[in-house]
Amino acid sequence: MRLYLRYLRSDLIKLRRQPLLWIHLVMPLVGIAVFLSYYAFSPWASQSKVEAYLQVVAISLPTMIGIVCAFAADQEANAGNFQMLLTSPVKPLPFVSKISLLLLLGLASVMLAAVGFGFGYIYILGSTLYDLTFYVCAGGILFIGSIFLYILHLIISLRYGRGASMGLGIVESLVAALLLTGLGDFNWIYVPCAWSARWITIWAQYPYARLQEIPPEMLLNRGVIHIIAGTAIIAILFGVWLYRWEGKRSLE
C-alpha cells in the first residue's frame, strides 16, 4: 500500500507538467457556460434541456478520455521510455496508480459538469425540475459508464500511441451519438461507448422518483449487468496485458 501511494504521489507531481488537470477542469466549465447561456432564452421544456445537456456530456466523454489517456501515455514515453512503469518491483502498481489518477480526474470532471450545471440551472436560471441530488446521481452514472473506456484507452495509448487513442475516441463519440437514435434501442448494451449516453438518457427521463416506470424494452437492468461485467472483464484483461507488455508500441 505504501509503495502504491508513492507511485500515486509521483503521478500527482507529474500533473504540473501535463495539461490533464486543465482539460478535466476547463472542458466542463466551458460546457456549463455555453449551455446555461443558451438555456437562458431557449424555449425548450426544462426536462428536454437537462436531457440534452447530459447527453452531450456523455457523447463528449469518449473523445475527452481518448485525449487524456494519450497525454498520460506520452508523458511516460517521454520520461524514460516507460521505464517508471516497467522497472517497478511490483509491476502492476504503477499501472494501477496511473489508471487510478485518470479515474479520479474523470470523476471530478463529470461531477463538475453535472453538479455545476445543476447548480447554475437551479440557482441562476431558477429551475425547480430537479434538485442537486439528481445531478450528483447523474455524475455518478456518467462516471461508472465510462470506466471501461478509461482502461481501454490507456491500453491503446500505451500500445499504439496518441493517434490511435484520439482517433478511436472521436469515432466512439460519433457512435454514441448514433446509438441515441432508434438504431441503439436494442444494441446499446453491447457497445461500451454508448453506455453512459443511453444510461443517462434513461435517468433523465425516469429519475429516482419514477424508476419503477421504466419500460422493460429500455433494457436498463441488462444494461447495468453488461456495464458491470464489461468493466470487470476489461480490468482483468488489463492486468493480464500489463505483464506481457514490454514498453513497445506498434509504430516501433
Foldseek 3Di string as FASTA:
>chain_A
DVVLVVLLVVVVVCVVVFCLLVLLVVVLVVLLVVLLVCVLPDPDDPLVSLLVSLLVVLLLVLLSLLQNLQRLLVVCCVPPLVCVQPVDPPNCSNVVSSLVVVLVSLLVSLLCNQLVNQCCCCVVSNDPPDHSVLSNVLSVLSSLLCSLSNLVSNVCCQAAHSVVSNVVSNVLSVVLVVLVPPVVQPPQLVRSSNLSNLQSSQCSVAPPVRPVVDDCSSVPVVSVVSSVVSSVVSVVVSVVVSVVDDSYYPVD
